Amino acid sequence: MVQAAGGVVDVHVGTAEFLKARNLTLNTGDSVRIIGENFTNGAHTVFLARIVQKGTTAVAIRSPHGMPLWLAGSRGLKTGGEKGNGGVQ
């Protein structure tokens, strides 16, 4: 859950292991920038994060087509800033 200007938003950012492999930790009170889109399933709306940025570290969470990068197998677990691995440093 993220406190935004319009209220609390349910944001899906992938697994903690995926974020940790990319040197991104999220803690209560952190200031973050999240790019993505709303997704509605019945009466419940969530925000599907595509990129999460904290300070100078930005991590791709989903592909531009919305596919979760943490499901990309070993390709999705590489670290560093190479294109296509889900990490943007």
N, C-alpha and C. Protein backbone atom coordinates (compact mmCIF):
# COMPACT_ATOMS: atom_id res chain seq x y z
N MET A 1 0.84 -1.17 0.00
CA MET A 1 0.00 0.00 0.00
C MET A 1 0.89 1.23 0.00
N VAL A 2 0.49 2.20 -0.80
CA VAL A 2 1.25 3.44 -0.94
C VAL A 2 0.32 4.62 -0.68
N GLN A 3 0.80 5.56 0.12
CA GLN A 3 0.05 6.79 0.36
C GLN A 3 0.35 7.74 -0.79
N ALA A 4 -0.66 8.07 -1.58
CA ALA A 4 -0.53 9.00 -2.70
C ALA A 4 -1.36 10.24 -2.40
N ALA A 5 -1.24 11.25 -3.25
CA ALA A 5 -1.98 12.49 -3.04
C ALA A 5 -3.48 12.25 -2.97
N GLY A 6 -3.98 11.28 -3.74
CA GLY A 6 -5.41 10.99 -3.77
C GLY A 6 -5.87 9.97 -2.75
N GLY A 7 -4.98 9.47 -1.91
CA GLY A 7 -5.33 8.48 -0.90
C GLY A 7 -4.42 7.27 -0.97
N VAL A 8 -4.80 6.21 -0.29
CA VAL A 8 -4.00 4.99 -0.24
C VAL A 8 -4.28 4.16 -1.49
N VAL A 9 -3.19 3.66 -2.11
CA VAL A 9 -3.30 2.88 -3.35
C VAL A 9 -2.66 1.51 -3.12
N ASP A 10 -3.35 0.46 -3.57
CA ASP A 10 -2.82 -0.91 -3.52
C ASP A 10 -1.91 -1.09 -4.72
N VAL A 11 -0.58 -1.12 -4.49
CA VAL A 11 0.40 -1.19 -5.57
C VAL A 11 1.07 -2.56 -5.55
N HIS A 12 1.13 -3.21 -6.71
CA HIS A 12 1.79 -4.51 -6.84
C HIS A 12 3.15 -4.30 -7.49
N VAL A 13 4.22 -4.62 -6.74
CA VAL A 13 5.59 -4.36 -7.21
C VAL A 13 6.42 -5.63 -7.41
N GLY A 14 5.84 -6.78 -7.36
CA GLY A 14 6.61 -8.01 -7.54
C GLY A 14 7.06 -8.56 -6.19
N THR A 15 8.01 -9.49 -6.25
CA THR A 15 8.46 -10.16 -5.03
C THR A 15 9.60 -9.42 -4.37
N ALA A 16 9.72 -9.60 -3.05
CA ALA A 16 10.82 -9.00 -2.30
C ALA A 16 12.16 -9.53 -2.80
N GLU A 17 12.22 -10.81 -3.14
CA GLU A 17 13.46 -11.42 -3.66
C GLU A 17 13.89 -10.75 -4.97
N PHE A 18 12.95 -10.48 -5.85
CA PHE A 18 13.23 -9.82 -7.12
C PHE A 18 13.81 -8.43 -6.88
N LEU A 19 13.17 -7.67 -5.98
CA LEU A 19 13.65 -6.32 -5.68
C LEU A 19 15.02 -6.35 -5.02
N LYS A 20 15.22 -7.27 -4.09
CA LYS A 20 16.50 -7.39 -3.38
C LYS A 20 17.63 -7.72 -4.35
N ALA A 21 17.36 -8.59 -5.34
CA ALA A 21 18.37 -8.96 -6.33
C ALA A 21 18.80 -7.75 -7.16
N ARG A 22 17.98 -6.72 -7.16
CA ARG A 22 18.28 -5.48 -7.90
C ARG A 22 18.66 -4.34 -6.97
N ASN A 23 19.01 -4.69 -5.75
CA ASN A 23 19.47 -3.71 -4.74
C ASN A 23 18.44 -2.63 -4.45
N LEU A 24 17.17 -3.02 -4.40
CA LEU A 24 16.11 -2.09 -4.05
C LEU A 24 15.34 -2.65 -2.86
N THR A 25 15.37 -1.89 -1.78
CA THR A 25 14.58 -2.26 -0.60
C THR A 25 13.56 -1.16 -0.37
N LEU A 26 12.36 -1.56 -0.02
CA LEU A 26 11.29 -0.61 0.24
C LEU A 26 10.88 -0.71 1.70
N ASN A 27 10.86 0.42 2.36
CA ASN A 27 10.50 0.47 3.77
C ASN A 27 9.40 1.49 3.98
N THR A 28 8.64 1.32 5.05
CA THR A 28 7.61 2.27 5.40
C THR A 28 8.21 3.66 5.50
N GLY A 29 7.56 4.62 4.85
CA GLY A 29 8.02 5.99 4.89
C GLY A 29 8.94 6.40 3.76
N ASP A 30 9.40 5.43 2.95
CA ASP A 30 10.26 5.74 1.81
C ASP A 30 9.52 6.61 0.81
N SER A 31 10.25 7.53 0.19
CA SER A 31 9.70 8.32 -0.91
C SER A 31 10.06 7.62 -2.21
N VAL A 32 9.06 7.23 -2.98
CA VAL A 32 9.29 6.48 -4.21
C VAL A 32 8.49 7.09 -5.36
N ARG A 33 8.94 6.81 -6.57
CA ARG A 33 8.20 7.17 -7.78
C ARG A 33 7.84 5.86 -8.45
N ILE A 34 6.57 5.70 -8.79
CA ILE A 34 6.11 4.45 -9.38
C ILE A 34 5.38 4.75 -10.68
N ILE A 35 5.81 4.07 -11.74
CA ILE A 35 5.17 4.20 -13.04
C ILE A 35 4.47 2.89 -13.34
N GLY A 36 3.24 2.96 -13.79
CA GLY A 36 2.48 1.76 -14.10
C GLY A 36 1.07 2.13 -14.52
N GLU A 37 0.13 1.23 -14.25
CA GLU A 37 -1.25 1.52 -14.60
C GLU A 37 -2.22 0.80 -13.69
N ASN A 38 -3.41 1.37 -13.59
CA ASN A 38 -4.47 0.75 -12.79
C ASN A 38 -5.01 -0.48 -13.50
N PHE A 39 -5.40 -1.46 -12.69
CA PHE A 39 -6.02 -2.68 -13.19
C PHE A 39 -7.20 -2.98 -12.29
N THR A 40 -8.36 -3.16 -12.89
CA THR A 40 -9.57 -3.44 -12.11
C THR A 40 -9.99 -4.89 -12.32
N ASN A 41 -10.22 -5.57 -11.21
CA ASN A 41 -10.68 -6.95 -11.21
C ASN A 41 -11.96 -6.98 -10.37
N GLY A 42 -13.09 -6.93 -11.04
CA GLY A 42 -14.35 -6.85 -10.31
C GLY A 42 -14.47 -5.49 -9.66
N ALA A 43 -14.67 -5.47 -8.35
CA ALA A 43 -14.82 -4.21 -7.62
C ALA A 43 -13.49 -3.70 -7.06
N HIS A 44 -12.41 -4.48 -7.22
CA HIS A 44 -11.12 -4.13 -6.62
C HIS A 44 -10.17 -3.58 -7.69
N THR A 45 -9.59 -2.42 -7.43
CA THR A 45 -8.62 -1.82 -8.35
C THR A 45 -7.25 -1.82 -7.69
N VAL A 46 -6.24 -2.25 -8.45
CA VAL A 46 -4.85 -2.23 -7.98
C VAL A 46 -4.02 -1.47 -9.00
N PHE A 47 -2.85 -1.01 -8.57
CA PHE A 47 -1.93 -0.32 -9.46
C PHE A 47 -0.78 -1.29 -9.74
N LEU A 48 -0.61 -1.67 -11.01
CA LEU A 48 0.45 -2.60 -11.40
C LEU A 48 1.69 -1.78 -11.77
N ALA A 49 2.70 -1.84 -10.91
CA ALA A 49 3.92 -1.06 -11.13
C ALA A 49 4.71 -1.64 -12.30
N ARG A 50 5.22 -0.76 -13.16
CA ARG A 50 6.11 -1.17 -14.25
C ARG A 50 7.54 -0.77 -13.91
N ILE A 51 7.72 0.40 -13.30
CA ILE A 51 9.03 0.85 -12.86
C ILE A 51 8.88 1.45 -11.47
N VAL A 52 9.79 1.08 -10.57
CA VAL A 52 9.82 1.66 -9.22
C VAL A 52 11.16 2.37 -9.06
N GLN A 53 11.12 3.63 -8.64
CA GLN A 53 12.34 4.40 -8.43
C GLN A 53 12.38 4.88 -6.99
N LYS A 54 13.53 4.65 -6.36
CA LYS A 54 13.79 5.14 -5.00
C LYS A 54 15.15 5.82 -5.05
N GLY A 55 15.17 7.11 -4.86
CA GLY A 55 16.43 7.85 -4.99
C GLY A 55 16.90 7.77 -6.43
N THR A 56 18.15 7.35 -6.61
CA THR A 56 18.70 7.24 -7.96
C THR A 56 18.59 5.83 -8.53
N THR A 57 17.97 4.91 -7.79
CA THR A 57 17.83 3.53 -8.26
C THR A 57 16.42 3.32 -8.81
N ALA A 58 16.35 2.89 -10.07
CA ALA A 58 15.08 2.57 -10.71
C ALA A 58 15.12 1.13 -11.18
N VAL A 59 14.06 0.40 -10.91
CA VAL A 59 13.99 -1.02 -11.27
C VAL A 59 12.75 -1.27 -12.11
N ALA A 60 12.95 -1.92 -13.26
CA ALA A 60 11.83 -2.35 -14.09
C ALA A 60 11.19 -3.56 -13.44
N ILE A 61 9.89 -3.50 -13.21
CA ILE A 61 9.13 -4.57 -12.56
C ILE A 61 8.39 -5.41 -13.59
N ARG A 62 7.88 -4.74 -14.62
CA ARG A 62 7.15 -5.40 -15.70
C ARG A 62 7.67 -4.89 -17.03
N SER A 63 7.49 -5.70 -18.05
CA SER A 63 7.86 -5.28 -19.40
C SER A 63 6.90 -4.18 -19.86
N PRO A 64 7.23 -3.48 -20.96
CA PRO A 64 6.30 -2.47 -21.48
C PRO A 64 4.93 -3.05 -21.83
N HIS A 65 4.84 -4.38 -22.00
CA HIS A 65 3.58 -5.04 -22.29
C HIS A 65 2.88 -5.54 -21.04
N GLY A 66 3.47 -5.27 -19.86
CA GLY A 66 2.85 -5.64 -18.59
C GLY A 66 3.23 -7.00 -18.05
N MET A 67 4.15 -7.71 -18.71
CA MET A 67 4.55 -9.04 -18.23
C MET A 67 5.47 -8.91 -17.02
N PRO A 68 5.20 -9.64 -15.93
CA PRO A 68 6.03 -9.58 -14.74
C PRO A 68 7.45 -10.08 -15.01
N LEU A 69 8.44 -9.26 -14.75
CA LEU A 69 9.83 -9.65 -15.01
C LEU A 69 10.36 -10.64 -13.98
N TRP A 70 9.74 -10.71 -12.79
CA TRP A 70 10.21 -11.68 -11.80
C TRP A 70 9.86 -13.10 -12.21
N LEU A 71 9.03 -13.27 -13.24
CA LEU A 71 8.71 -14.59 -13.75
C LEU A 71 9.57 -14.96 -14.96
N ALA A 72 10.56 -14.13 -15.28
CA ALA A 72 11.38 -14.33 -16.47
C ALA A 72 12.49 -15.37 -16.29
N GLY A 73 12.47 -16.11 -15.21
CA GLY A 73 13.50 -17.12 -14.98
C GLY A 73 14.83 -16.47 -14.70
N SER A 74 15.92 -17.11 -15.09
CA SER A 74 17.26 -16.61 -14.79
C SER A 74 17.53 -15.28 -15.46
N ARG A 75 16.89 -15.01 -16.60
CA ARG A 75 17.06 -13.72 -17.27
C ARG A 75 16.61 -12.60 -16.36
N GLY A 76 15.56 -12.82 -15.60
CA GLY A 76 15.02 -11.79 -14.74
C GLY A 76 15.75 -11.62 -13.43
N LEU A 77 16.71 -12.51 -13.13
CA LEU A 77 17.42 -12.43 -11.86
C LEU A 77 18.82 -11.87 -11.99
N LYS A 78 19.25 -11.47 -13.17
CA LYS A 78 20.56 -10.84 -13.33
C LYS A 78 20.53 -9.49 -12.63
N THR A 79 21.69 -9.06 -12.18
CA THR A 79 21.77 -7.74 -11.58
C THR A 79 22.56 -6.83 -12.49
N GLY A 80 22.48 -5.55 -12.21
CA GLY A 80 23.21 -4.59 -13.04
C GLY A 80 22.23 -3.82 -13.89
N GLY A 81 22.77 -2.99 -14.81
CA GLY A 81 21.92 -2.11 -15.57
C GLY A 81 21.79 -2.47 -17.02
N GLU A 82 22.13 -3.70 -17.41
CA GLU A 82 22.02 -4.08 -18.83
C GLU A 82 20.57 -4.03 -19.27
N LYS A 83 20.35 -3.65 -20.52
CA LYS A 83 18.99 -3.64 -21.05
C LYS A 83 18.45 -5.07 -21.10
N GLY A 84 17.17 -5.19 -20.83
CA GLY A 84 16.51 -6.49 -20.96
C GLY A 84 16.56 -7.35 -19.72
N ASN A 85 17.24 -6.91 -18.64
CA ASN A 85 17.31 -7.76 -17.47
C ASN A 85 16.40 -7.30 -16.34
N GLY A 86 15.70 -6.19 -16.56
CA GLY A 86 14.79 -5.72 -15.53
C GLY A 86 15.43 -4.73 -14.58
N GLY A 87 16.74 -4.49 -14.68
CA GLY A 87 17.39 -3.54 -13.79
C GLY A 87 17.80 -2.29 -14.54
N VAL A 88 17.40 -1.15 -14.03
CA VAL A 88 17.81 0.12 -14.63
C VAL A 88 18.52 0.87 -13.54
N GLN A 89 19.81 1.07 -13.67
CA GLN A 89 20.59 1.73 -12.63
C GLN A 89 21.00 3.11 -13.06
